[in-house]
Amino acid sequence: MKKNMGSADKLIRLAVAAIIGVLYFMGILSGTLGIVLLGLAIVFALTSFISFCPLYIPFGINTCSKKEK
């Protein structure tokens, strides 16, 4: 599994995940929409930590600046 996410991409995903998490636990986001967005935030955080997004493969996207050998 090659890394395909750069630093800026990871930072943006973590920021969005944190914002969604805060809004959910403060009670601003609730119901079905809150649960769906919380699930999306978890996926954003996980893909950010492993530096790999499976949806980038079919579209040929690679935001990582370092090329692996």
PDB file of N, CA and C in Angstrom:
ATOM      1  N   MET A   1       0.847  -1.168   0.000  1.00  0.00           N
ATOM      2  CA  MET A   1       0.000   0.000   0.000  1.00  0.00           C
ATOM      3  C   MET A   1       0.896   1.235   0.000  1.00  0.00           C
ATOM      4  N   LYS A   2       0.948   1.908  -1.138  1.00  0.00           N
ATOM      5  CA  LYS A   2       1.766   3.104  -1.266  1.00  0.00           C
ATOM      6  C   LYS A   2       1.012   4.318  -0.740  1.00  0.00           C
ATOM      7  N   LYS A   3       1.744   5.230  -0.151  1.00  0.00           N
ATOM      8  CA  LYS A   3       1.140   6.462   0.346  1.00  0.00           C
ATOM      9  C   LYS A   3       0.729   7.327  -0.845  1.00  0.00           C
ATOM     10  N   ASN A   4      -0.481   7.887  -0.779  1.00  0.00           N
ATOM     11  CA  ASN A   4      -0.927   8.751  -1.859  1.00  0.00           C
ATOM     12  C   ASN A   4      -1.532  10.059  -1.355  1.00  0.00           C
ATOM     13  N   MET A   5      -1.220  10.414  -0.101  1.00  0.00           N
ATOM     14  CA  MET A   5      -1.732  11.660   0.481  1.00  0.00           C
ATOM     15  C   MET A   5      -0.573  12.513   0.980  1.00  0.00           C
ATOM     16  N   GLY A   6      -0.611  13.778   0.620  1.00  0.00           N
ATOM     17  CA  GLY A   6       0.410  14.720   1.060  1.00  0.00           C
ATOM     18  C   GLY A   6       0.064  15.342   2.405  1.00  0.00           C
ATOM     19  N   SER A   7       0.948  16.176   2.892  1.00  0.00           N
ATOM     20  CA  SER A   7       0.780  16.802   4.208  1.00  0.00           C
ATOM     21  C   SER A   7      -0.438  17.713   4.267  1.00  0.00           C
ATOM     22  N   ALA A   8      -0.625  18.519   3.238  1.00  0.00           N
ATOM     23  CA  ALA A   8      -1.768  19.438   3.233  1.00  0.00           C
ATOM     24  C   ALA A   8      -3.081  18.665   3.220  1.00  0.00           C
ATOM     25  N   ASP A   9      -3.141  17.614   2.439  1.00  0.00           N
ATOM     26  CA  ASP A   9      -4.347  16.786   2.352  1.00  0.00           C
ATOM     27  C   ASP A   9      -4.665  16.152   3.712  1.00  0.00           C
ATOM     28  N   LYS A  10      -3.641  15.643   4.372  1.00  0.00           N
ATOM     29  CA  LYS A  10      -3.838  15.025   5.691  1.00  0.00           C
ATOM     30  C   LYS A  10      -4.296  16.052   6.718  1.00  0.00           C
ATOM     31  N   LEU A  11      -3.707  17.240   6.684  1.00  0.00           N
ATOM     32  CA  LEU A  11      -4.068  18.289   7.631  1.00  0.00           C
ATOM     33  C   LEU A  11      -5.520  18.739   7.439  1.00  0.00           C
ATOM     34  N   ILE A  12      -5.931  18.901   6.194  1.00  0.00           N
ATOM     35  CA  ILE A  12      -7.313  19.300   5.910  1.00  0.00           C
ATOM     36  C   ILE A  12      -8.287  18.235   6.383  1.00  0.00           C
ATOM     37  N   ARG A  13      -7.988  16.965   6.130  1.00  0.00           N
ATOM     38  CA  ARG A  13      -8.863  15.876   6.560  1.00  0.00           C
ATOM     39  C   ARG A  13      -8.976  15.812   8.082  1.00  0.00           C
ATOM     40  N   LEU A  14      -7.853  15.993   8.773  1.00  0.00           N
ATOM     41  CA  LEU A  14      -7.892  15.974  10.237  1.00  0.00           C
ATOM     42  C   LEU A  14      -8.689  17.151  10.788  1.00  0.00           C
ATOM     43  N   ALA A  15      -8.544  18.316  10.165  1.00  0.00           N
ATOM     44  CA  ALA A  15      -9.286  19.500  10.614  1.00  0.00           C
ATOM     45  C   ALA A  15     -10.787  19.302  10.413  1.00  0.00           C
ATOM     46  N   VAL A  16     -11.179  18.776   9.266  1.00  0.00           N
ATOM     47  CA  VAL A  16     -12.601  18.530   9.000  1.00  0.00           C
ATOM     48  C   VAL A  16     -13.140  17.492   9.975  1.00  0.00           C
ATOM     49  N   ALA A  17     -12.371  16.439  10.221  1.00  0.00           N
ATOM     50  CA  ALA A  17     -12.804  15.399  11.162  1.00  0.00           C
ATOM     51  C   ALA A  17     -12.967  15.976  12.563  1.00  0.00           C
ATOM     52  N   ALA A  18     -12.046  16.824  12.979  1.00  0.00           N
ATOM     53  CA  ALA A  18     -12.135  17.423  14.308  1.00  0.00           C
ATOM     54  C   ALA A  18     -13.353  18.341  14.421  1.00  0.00           C
ATOM     55  N   ILE A  19     -13.599  19.127  13.394  1.00  0.00           N
ATOM     56  CA  ILE A  19     -14.756  20.029  13.413  1.00  0.00           C
ATOM     57  C   ILE A  19     -16.055  19.238  13.487  1.00  0.00           C
ATOM     58  N   ILE A  20     -16.165  18.195  12.678  1.00  0.00           N
ATOM     59  CA  ILE A  20     -17.379  17.366  12.704  1.00  0.00           C
ATOM     60  C   ILE A  20     -17.540  16.705  14.069  1.00  0.00           C
ATOM     61  N   GLY A  21     -16.446  16.205  14.634  1.00  0.00           N
ATOM     62  CA  GLY A  21     -16.511  15.570  15.953  1.00  0.00           C
ATOM     63  C   GLY A  21     -16.974  16.535  17.031  1.00  0.00           C
ATOM     64  N   VAL A  22     -16.435  17.737  17.015  1.00  0.00           N
ATOM     65  CA  VAL A  22     -16.824  18.740  18.010  1.00  0.00           C
ATOM     66  C   VAL A  22     -18.301  19.101  17.851  1.00  0.00           C
ATOM     67  N   LEU A  23     -18.736  19.320  16.618  1.00  0.00           N
ATOM     68  CA  LEU A  23     -20.143  19.668  16.380  1.00  0.00           C
ATOM     69  C   LEU A  23     -21.082  18.548  16.804  1.00  0.00           C
ATOM     70  N   TYR A  24     -20.667  17.310  16.596  1.00  0.00           N
ATOM     71  CA  TYR A  24     -21.509  16.180  16.982  1.00  0.00           C
ATOM     72  C   TYR A  24     -21.605  16.069  18.506  1.00  0.00           C
ATOM     73  N   PHE A  25     -20.475  16.140  19.190  1.00  0.00           N
ATOM     74  CA  PHE A  25     -20.485  15.952  20.637  1.00  0.00           C
ATOM     75  C   PHE A  25     -21.013  17.169  21.397  1.00  0.00           C
ATOM     76  N   MET A  26     -21.094  18.323  20.734  1.00  0.00           N
ATOM     77  CA  MET A  26     -21.736  19.488  21.349  1.00  0.00           C
ATOM     78  C   MET A  26     -23.246  19.461  21.135  1.00  0.00           C
ATOM     79  N   GLY A  27     -23.717  18.546  20.318  1.00  0.00           N
ATOM     80  CA  GLY A  27     -25.147  18.411  20.079  1.00  0.00           C
ATOM     81  C   GLY A  27     -25.677  19.249  18.934  1.00  0.00           C
ATOM     82  N   ILE A  28     -24.797  19.920  18.205  1.00  0.00           N
ATOM     83  CA  ILE A  28     -25.231  20.736  17.077  1.00  0.00           C
ATOM     84  C   ILE A  28     -25.631  19.848  15.904  1.00  0.00           C
ATOM     85  N   LEU A  29     -24.855  18.807  15.657  1.00  0.00           N
ATOM     86  CA  LEU A  29     -25.211  17.801  14.661  1.00  0.00           C
ATOM     87  C   LEU A  29     -25.855  16.635  15.403  1.00  0.00           C
ATOM     88  N   SER A  30     -27.028  16.241  14.971  1.00  0.00           N
ATOM     89  CA  SER A  30     -27.689  15.126  15.646  1.00  0.00           C
ATOM     90  C   SER A  30     -28.501  14.326  14.640  1.00  0.00           C
ATOM     91  N   GLY A  31     -29.055  13.251  15.103  1.00  0.00           N
ATOM     92  CA  GLY A  31     -29.885  12.408  14.261  1.00  0.00           C
ATOM     93  C   GLY A  31     -29.077  11.628  13.240  1.00  0.00           C
ATOM     94  N   THR A  32     -29.749  11.270  12.165  1.00  0.00           N
ATOM     95  CA  THR A  32     -29.113  10.466  11.123  1.00  0.00           C
ATOM     96  C   THR A  32     -27.960  11.216  10.466  1.00  0.00           C
ATOM     97  N   LEU A  33     -28.157  12.492  10.188  1.00  0.00           N
ATOM     98  CA  LEU A  33     -27.099  13.290   9.568  1.00  0.00           C
ATOM     99  C   LEU A  33     -25.859  13.336  10.456  1.00  0.00           C
ATOM    100  N   GLY A  34     -26.045  13.486  11.749  1.00  0.00           N
ATOM    101  CA  GLY A  34     -24.926  13.516  12.681  1.00  0.00           C
ATOM    102  C   GLY A  34     -24.151  12.212  12.700  1.00  0.00           C
ATOM    103  N   ILE A  35     -24.873  11.099  12.672  1.00  0.00           N
ATOM    104  CA  ILE A  35     -24.214   9.795  12.686  1.00  0.00           C
ATOM    105  C   ILE A  35     -23.450   9.554  11.391  1.00  0.00           C
ATOM    106  N   VAL A  36     -24.046   9.926  10.258  1.00  0.00           N
ATOM    107  CA  VAL A  36     -23.372   9.756   8.969  1.00  0.00           C
ATOM    108  C   VAL A  36     -22.120  10.620   8.906  1.00  0.00           C
ATOM    109  N   LEU A  37     -22.218  11.869   9.334  1.00  0.00           N
ATOM    110  CA  LEU A  37     -21.051  12.749   9.318  1.00  0.00           C
ATOM    111  C   LEU A  37     -19.983  12.300  10.312  1.00  0.00           C
ATOM    112  N   LEU A  38     -20.395  11.738  11.448  1.00  0.00           N
ATOM    113  CA  LEU A  38     -19.413  11.216  12.398  1.00  0.00           C
ATOM    114  C   LEU A  38     -18.669  10.023  11.791  1.00  0.00           C
ATOM    115  N   GLY A  39     -19.382   9.175  11.070  1.00  0.00           N
ATOM    116  CA  GLY A  39     -18.728   8.064  10.364  1.00  0.00           C
ATOM    117  C   GLY A  39     -17.749   8.571   9.326  1.00  0.00           C
ATOM    118  N   LEU A  40     -18.127   9.610   8.595  1.00  0.00           N
ATOM    119  CA  LEU A  40     -17.236  10.208   7.611  1.00  0.00           C
ATOM    120  C   LEU A  40     -16.001  10.807   8.284  1.00  0.00           C
ATOM    121  N   ALA A  41     -16.191  11.421   9.439  1.00  0.00           N
ATOM    122  CA  ALA A  41     -15.061  11.992  10.180  1.00  0.00           C
ATOM    123  C   ALA A  41     -14.089  10.902  10.621  1.00  0.00           C
ATOM    124  N   ILE A  42     -14.617   9.765  11.029  1.00  0.00           N
ATOM    125  CA  ILE A  42     -13.757   8.641  11.433  1.00  0.00           C
ATOM    126  C   ILE A  42     -12.952   8.143  10.237  1.00  0.00           C
ATOM    127  N   VAL A  43     -13.599   8.025   9.086  1.00  0.00           N
ATOM    128  CA  VAL A  43     -12.892   7.595   7.872  1.00  0.00           C
ATOM    129  C   VAL A  43     -11.827   8.614   7.493  1.00  0.00           C
ATOM    130  N   PHE A  44     -12.149   9.908   7.558  1.00  0.00           N
ATOM    131  CA  PHE A  44     -11.160  10.949   7.269  1.00  0.00           C
ATOM    132  C   PHE A  44      -9.952  10.840   8.187  1.00  0.00           C
ATOM    133  N   ALA A  45     -10.191  10.632   9.469  1.00  0.00           N
ATOM    134  CA  ALA A  45      -9.092  10.541  10.431  1.00  0.00           C
ATOM    135  C   ALA A  45      -8.230   9.301  10.160  1.00  0.00           C
ATOM    136  N   LEU A  46      -8.864   8.169   9.905  1.00  0.00           N
ATOM    137  CA  LEU A  46      -8.110   6.939   9.639  1.00  0.00           C
ATOM    138  C   LEU A  46      -7.270   7.050   8.373  1.00  0.00           C
ATOM    139  N   THR A  47      -7.865   7.551   7.299  1.00  0.00           N
ATOM    140  CA  THR A  47      -7.092   7.681   6.061  1.00  0.00           C
ATOM    141  C   THR A  47      -5.977   8.709   6.217  1.00  0.00           C
ATOM    142  N   SER A  48      -6.183   9.692   7.042  1.00  0.00           N
ATOM    143  CA  SER A  48      -5.137  10.677   7.282  1.00  0.00           C
ATOM    144  C   SER A  48      -3.962  10.062   8.043  1.00  0.00           C
ATOM    145  N   PHE A  49      -4.263   9.222   9.025  1.00  0.00           N
ATOM    146  CA  PHE A  49      -3.195   8.603   9.808  1.00  0.00           C
ATOM    147  C   PHE A  49      -2.380   7.596   9.010  1.00  0.00           C
ATOM    148  N   ILE A  50      -2.999   6.895   8.068  1.00  0.00           N
ATOM    149  CA  ILE A  50      -2.253   5.904   7.284  1.00  0.00           C
ATOM    150  C   ILE A  50      -1.752   6.474   5.958  1.00  0.00           C
ATOM    151  N   SER A  51      -2.093   7.737   5.658  1.00  0.00           N
ATOM    152  CA  SER A  51      -1.633   8.439   4.451  1.00  0.00           C
ATOM    153  C   SER A  51      -2.044   7.734   3.166  1.00  0.00           C
ATOM    154  N   PHE A  52      -3.194   7.103   3.181  1.00  0.00           N
ATOM    155  CA  PHE A  52      -3.664   6.371   2.009  1.00  0.00           C
ATOM    156  C   PHE A  52      -5.169   6.518   1.873  1.00  0.00           C
ATOM    157  N   CYS A  53      -5.614   6.908   0.695  1.00  0.00           N
ATOM    158  CA  CYS A  53      -7.041   7.020   0.411  1.00  0.00           C
ATOM    159  C   CYS A  53      -7.374   6.084  -0.751  1.00  0.00           C
ATOM    160  N   PRO A  54      -8.192   5.061  -0.509  1.00  0.00           N
ATOM    161  CA  PRO A  54      -8.511   4.111  -1.571  1.00  0.00           C
ATOM    162  C   PRO A  54      -9.282   4.740  -2.739  1.00  0.00           C
ATOM    163  N   LEU A  55     -10.008   5.823  -2.504  1.00  0.00           N
ATOM    164  CA  LEU A  55     -10.752   6.468  -3.592  1.00  0.00           C
ATOM    165  C   LEU A  55      -9.841   7.228  -4.557  1.00  0.00           C
ATOM    166  N   TYR A  56      -8.614   7.491  -4.163  1.00  0.00           N
ATOM    167  CA  TYR A  56      -7.688   8.170  -5.061  1.00  0.00           C
ATOM    168  C   TYR A  56      -7.206   7.250  -6.184  1.00  0.00           C
ATOM    169  N   ILE A  57      -7.194   5.951  -5.965  1.00  0.00           N
ATOM    170  CA  ILE A  57      -6.657   5.001  -6.946  1.00  0.00           C
ATOM    171  C   ILE A  57      -7.429   5.024  -8.268  1.00  0.00           C
ATOM    172  N   PRO A  58      -8.768   4.872  -8.266  1.00  0.00           N
ATOM    173  CA  PRO A  58      -9.464   4.859  -9.559  1.00  0.00           C
ATOM    174  C   PRO A  58      -9.365   6.178 -10.325  1.00  0.00           C
ATOM    175  N   PHE A  59      -9.187   7.278  -9.608  1.00  0.00           N
ATOM    176  CA  PHE A  59      -9.097   8.578 -10.257  1.00  0.00           C
ATOM    177  C   PHE A  59      -7.659   8.986 -10.565  1.00  0.00           C
ATOM    178  N   GLY A  60      -6.687   8.209 -10.132  1.00  0.00           N
ATOM    179  CA  GLY A  60      -5.290   8.492 -10.410  1.00  0.00           C
ATOM    180  C   GLY A  60      -4.749   9.700  -9.667  1.00  0.00           C
ATOM    181  N   ILE A  61      -5.295   9.982  -8.501  1.00  0.00           N
ATOM    182  CA  ILE A  61      -4.871  11.146  -7.720  1.00  0.00           C
ATOM    183  C   ILE A  61      -3.753  10.738  -6.772  1.00  0.00           C
ATOM    184  N   ASN A  62      -2.737  11.570  -6.681  1.00  0.00           N
ATOM    185  CA  ASN A  62      -1.637  11.356  -5.746  1.00  0.00           C
ATOM    186  C   ASN A  62      -1.171  12.723  -5.273  1.00  0.00           C
ATOM    187  N   THR A  63      -1.442  13.075  -4.025  1.00  0.00           N
ATOM    188  CA  THR A  63      -1.035  14.372  -3.496  1.00  0.00           C
ATOM    189  C   THR A  63       0.271  14.285  -2.711  1.00  0.00           C
ATOM    190  N   CYS A  64       0.845  13.099  -2.642  1.00  0.00           N
ATOM    191  CA  CYS A  64       2.105  12.907  -1.921  1.00  0.00           C
ATOM    192  C   CYS A  64       3.259  13.417  -2.782  1.00  0.00           C
ATOM    193  N   SER A  65       4.105  14.246  -2.193  1.00  0.00           N
ATOM    194  CA  SER A  65       5.196  14.828  -2.961  1.00  0.00           C
ATOM    195  C   SER A  65       6.391  13.890  -3.097  1.00  0.00           C
ATOM    196  N   LYS A  66       6.536  12.946  -2.170  1.00  0.00           N
ATOM    197  CA  LYS A  66       7.654  12.003  -2.225  1.00  0.00           C
ATOM    198  C   LYS A  66       7.278  10.791  -3.070  1.00  0.00           C
ATOM    199  N   LYS A  67       8.183  10.388  -3.932  1.00  0.00           N
ATOM    200  CA  LYS A  67       7.968   9.201  -4.745  1.00  0.00           C
ATOM    201  C   LYS A  67       8.660   8.015  -4.075  1.00  0.00           C
ATOM    202  N   GLU A  68       7.896   6.936  -3.829  1.00  0.00           N
ATOM    203  CA  GLU A  68       8.475   5.742  -3.232  1.00  0.00           C
ATOM    204  C   GLU A  68       9.077   4.864  -4.311  1.00  0.00           C
ATOM    205  N   LYS A  69      10.133   4.144  -3.941  1.00  0.00           N
ATOM    206  CA  LYS A  69      10.797   3.239  -4.896  1.00  0.00           C
ATOM    207  C   LYS A  69      10.212   1.854  -4.769  1.00  0.00           C
TER     208      LYS A  69
END
